[in-house]
Amino acid sequence: GGMFSDADERDGFHPPSQPIELNTLPASEPPPRIYAELYWVPIPLMSRRLVAVLRAAGVDNLQVFDTQLITTHGQSPPPPGHYLAVNIVGLVAAADLKRSKTNPEVTENLISMDFHSLSIDPLKAHEALMFRLAENISAVLVHERVKKVIESTSINTLTWYEPEAWAG
């Protein structure tokens, strides 16, 4: 959730000076017919098209970095600069802990809280359009308004979960 900056004195918190090189691995199955709009591993990657739609929907807390696809697979791979590495800046403590279901054996309540079912407090979310959840940073929440904008485009490879159905 923190912003990469040249002024940051910590190692690993500087923006890359060159495009991030990406190598795709050949799958044991046939190569993909399409490349997804979003990958989380090894780093968050979004297609330039998805980033443009998010920004058009009003999401303004994305820090993006150029990438370069070095190896690709399949009959119609994307162009080398198709993806952007994306940093979703900011954490929002928006969980309604009284209504959420959590693992009582895990006492962590910030960064990696173990949710079985998540409930969001809209007042704590402050109408943020897209953010990482401070209580569990693996959760990225997207406002319904942004979801509708994305769905109105030809982007149809994303999977959406209602907070109540999310566990992590």
Protein backbone atom coordinates (compact mmCIF):
# COMPACT_ATOMS: atom_id res chain seq x y z
CA GLY A 1 0.00 0.00 0.00
CA GLY A 2 2.97 2.35 0.34
CA MET A 3 4.09 4.51 -2.56
CA PHE A 4 7.43 3.83 -4.22
CA SER A 5 9.52 6.99 -4.28
CA ASP A 6 13.04 8.02 -5.27
CA ALA A 7 13.14 9.98 -2.01
CA ASP A 8 12.48 6.85 0.10
CA GLU A 9 15.74 5.81 1.75
CA ARG A 10 14.68 2.20 2.38
CA ASP A 11 15.98 -0.51 0.06
CA GLY A 12 13.30 -1.89 -2.23
CA PHE A 13 11.02 1.15 -2.04
CA HIS A 14 12.35 2.96 -5.11
CA PRO A 15 10.49 2.88 -8.42
CA PRO A 16 12.20 0.74 -11.06
CA SER A 17 14.48 2.74 -13.34
CA GLN A 18 13.89 0.38 -16.31
CA PRO A 19 10.84 -1.56 -17.47
CA ILE A 20 10.34 -4.70 -15.38
CA GLU A 21 11.20 -7.71 -17.52
CA LEU A 22 8.66 -10.52 -17.48
CA ASN A 23 9.16 -14.08 -18.63
CA THR A 24 6.12 -16.29 -19.02
CA LEU A 25 6.49 -19.95 -18.29
CA PRO A 26 5.20 -22.57 -20.69
CA ALA A 27 2.13 -24.23 -19.21
CA SER A 28 1.83 -27.99 -18.96
CA GLU A 29 -1.47 -27.53 -20.79
CA PRO A 30 -1.88 -25.86 -24.17
CA PRO A 31 -0.90 -22.19 -24.12
CA PRO A 32 -3.63 -19.72 -23.19
CA ARG A 33 -5.90 -18.51 -25.97
CA ILE A 34 -5.98 -15.15 -24.27
CA TYR A 35 -3.83 -13.42 -21.69
CA ALA A 36 -5.75 -12.23 -18.65
CA GLU A 37 -6.29 -8.56 -17.84
CA LEU A 38 -4.99 -9.07 -14.30
CA TYR A 39 -2.37 -11.26 -12.64
CA TRP A 40 -1.42 -11.11 -8.96
CA VAL A 41 1.65 -13.35 -9.07
CA PRO A 42 4.57 -12.76 -9.06
CA ILE A 43 3.63 -9.06 -8.82
CA PRO A 44 0.34 -7.28 -9.52
CA LEU A 45 0.10 -6.85 -13.30
CA MET A 46 -2.75 -5.19 -15.14
CA SER A 47 -3.26 -4.71 -18.83
CA ARG A 48 -2.93 -1.13 -19.98
CA ARG A 49 -6.59 -1.38 -21.00
CA LEU A 50 -7.69 -2.31 -17.46
CA VAL A 51 -5.63 0.51 -15.94
CA ALA A 52 -7.22 2.97 -18.40
CA VAL A 53 -10.73 1.79 -17.47
CA LEU A 54 -9.97 2.03 -13.76
CA ARG A 55 -8.66 5.56 -14.18
CA ALA A 56 -11.67 6.53 -16.32
CA ALA A 57 -13.88 5.22 -13.49
CA GLY A 58 -12.12 7.60 -11.09
CA VAL A 59 -9.57 5.32 -9.43
CA ASP A 60 -6.68 7.65 -8.69
CA ASN A 61 -4.49 5.69 -6.30
CA LEU A 62 -2.62 3.49 -8.78
CA GLN A 63 1.11 3.79 -9.19
CA VAL A 64 2.12 2.06 -12.42
CA PHE A 65 5.42 0.93 -13.88
CA ASP A 66 6.30 -0.19 -17.39
CA THR A 67 6.97 -3.84 -18.02
CA GLN A 68 8.42 -5.74 -20.95
CA LEU A 69 7.24 -9.23 -21.89
CA ILE A 70 10.42 -11.06 -22.85
CA THR A 71 8.94 -14.48 -23.56
CA THR A 72 5.37 -15.29 -24.52
CA HIS A 73 3.41 -18.38 -25.47
CA GLY A 74 0.39 -19.11 -27.61
CA GLN A 75 -0.63 -18.11 -31.10
CA SER A 76 -1.57 -14.51 -30.36
CA PRO A 77 0.47 -13.18 -27.45
CA PRO A 78 0.09 -9.57 -26.36
CA PRO A 79 2.65 -6.97 -27.40
CA PRO A 80 5.75 -6.63 -25.19
CA GLY A 81 4.47 -3.58 -23.24
CA HIS A 82 0.92 -4.90 -22.74
CA TYR A 83 1.10 -5.04 -18.95
CA LEU A 84 1.84 -2.49 -16.28
CA ALA A 85 3.11 -3.41 -12.83
CA VAL A 86 0.60 -1.85 -10.45
CA ASN A 87 0.93 -0.64 -6.89
CA ILE A 88 -2.43 0.06 -5.25
CA VAL A 89 -1.45 2.91 -2.95
CA GLY A 90 -3.02 3.18 0.46
CA LEU A 91 -4.60 0.89 3.01
CA VAL A 92 -8.10 1.41 4.39
CA ALA A 93 -9.23 -0.11 7.69
CA ALA A 94 -12.80 -0.71 6.51
CA ALA A 95 -13.67 -4.10 8.00
CA ASP A 96 -16.73 -4.27 10.24
CA LEU A 97 -15.17 -6.64 12.74
CA LYS A 98 -18.42 -7.17 14.67
CA ARG A 99 -20.16 -8.52 11.55
CA SER A 100 -17.18 -10.24 9.92
CA LYS A 101 -16.36 -13.85 10.67
CA THR A 102 -12.72 -14.45 11.52
CA ASN A 103 -10.54 -17.30 12.69
CA PRO A 104 -10.42 -16.92 16.50
CA GLU A 105 -7.09 -18.77 16.64
CA VAL A 106 -5.38 -15.99 14.67
CA THR A 107 -4.91 -12.92 16.83
CA GLU A 108 -3.46 -10.70 14.10
CA ASN A 109 -5.90 -7.86 13.35
CA LEU A 110 -3.86 -5.78 10.95
CA ILE A 111 -2.13 -6.78 7.70
CA SER A 112 -3.05 -10.50 7.79
CA MET A 113 -6.26 -11.02 9.76
CA ASP A 114 -7.77 -14.40 8.86
CA PHE A 115 -11.30 -13.81 7.55
CA HIS A 116 -13.85 -16.54 6.90
CA SER A 117 -16.35 -13.90 5.77
CA LEU A 118 -15.80 -10.16 5.46
CA SER A 119 -18.21 -7.36 6.20
CA ILE A 120 -17.34 -3.82 5.18
CA ASP A 121 -18.32 -0.72 7.15
CA PRO A 122 -19.24 1.78 4.41
CA LEU A 123 -18.46 4.74 6.67
CA LYS A 124 -14.92 3.46 7.22
CA ALA A 125 -14.46 2.89 3.48
CA HIS A 126 -15.06 6.62 2.87
CA GLU A 127 -16.38 5.94 -0.66
CA ALA A 128 -12.88 4.83 -1.74
CA LEU A 129 -13.11 3.39 -5.24
CA MET A 130 -10.35 0.77 -4.97
CA PHE A 131 -8.10 -0.08 -2.05
CA ARG A 132 -6.23 -2.74 -0.13
CA LEU A 133 -7.90 -3.69 3.13
CA ALA A 134 -5.66 -2.69 6.05
CA GLU A 135 -6.82 -5.67 8.11
CA ASN A 136 -5.71 -8.11 5.39
CA ILE A 137 -3.66 -6.58 2.59
CA SER A 138 -4.30 -9.50 0.23
CA ALA A 139 -7.87 -8.20 -0.12
CA VAL A 140 -8.37 -5.58 -2.82
CA LEU A 141 -11.80 -4.00 -2.67
CA VAL A 142 -13.46 -2.34 -5.63
CA HIS A 143 -16.46 -0.03 -5.31
CA GLU A 144 -19.61 -1.29 -7.04
CA ARG A 145 -19.55 1.79 -9.29
CA VAL A 146 -16.08 0.86 -10.61
CA LYS A 147 -17.13 -2.76 -11.09
CA LYS A 148 -20.05 -1.62 -13.25
CA VAL A 149 -17.76 0.56 -15.38
CA ILE A 150 -15.41 -2.39 -15.94
CA GLU A 151 -18.31 -4.70 -16.79
CA SER A 152 -19.59 -2.17 -19.35
CA THR A 153 -16.38 -2.66 -21.35
CA SER A 154 -15.18 -5.76 -23.17
CA ILE A 155 -13.16 -6.75 -20.09
CA ASN A 156 -14.80 -9.98 -19.00
CA THR A 157 -12.03 -12.11 -17.50
CA LEU A 158 -12.18 -10.80 -13.93
CA THR A 159 -13.75 -12.73 -11.07
CA TRP A 160 -15.69 -10.75 -8.48
CA TYR A 161 -16.50 -11.79 -4.90
CA GLU A 162 -18.96 -10.17 -2.57
CA PRO A 163 -17.19 -9.36 0.72
CA GLU A 164 -19.30 -11.94 2.57
CA ALA A 165 -18.04 -14.67 0.21
CA TRP A 166 -14.37 -13.68 0.48
CA ALA A 167 -12.04 -15.61 2.79
CA GLY A 168 -8.41 -14.95 3.29
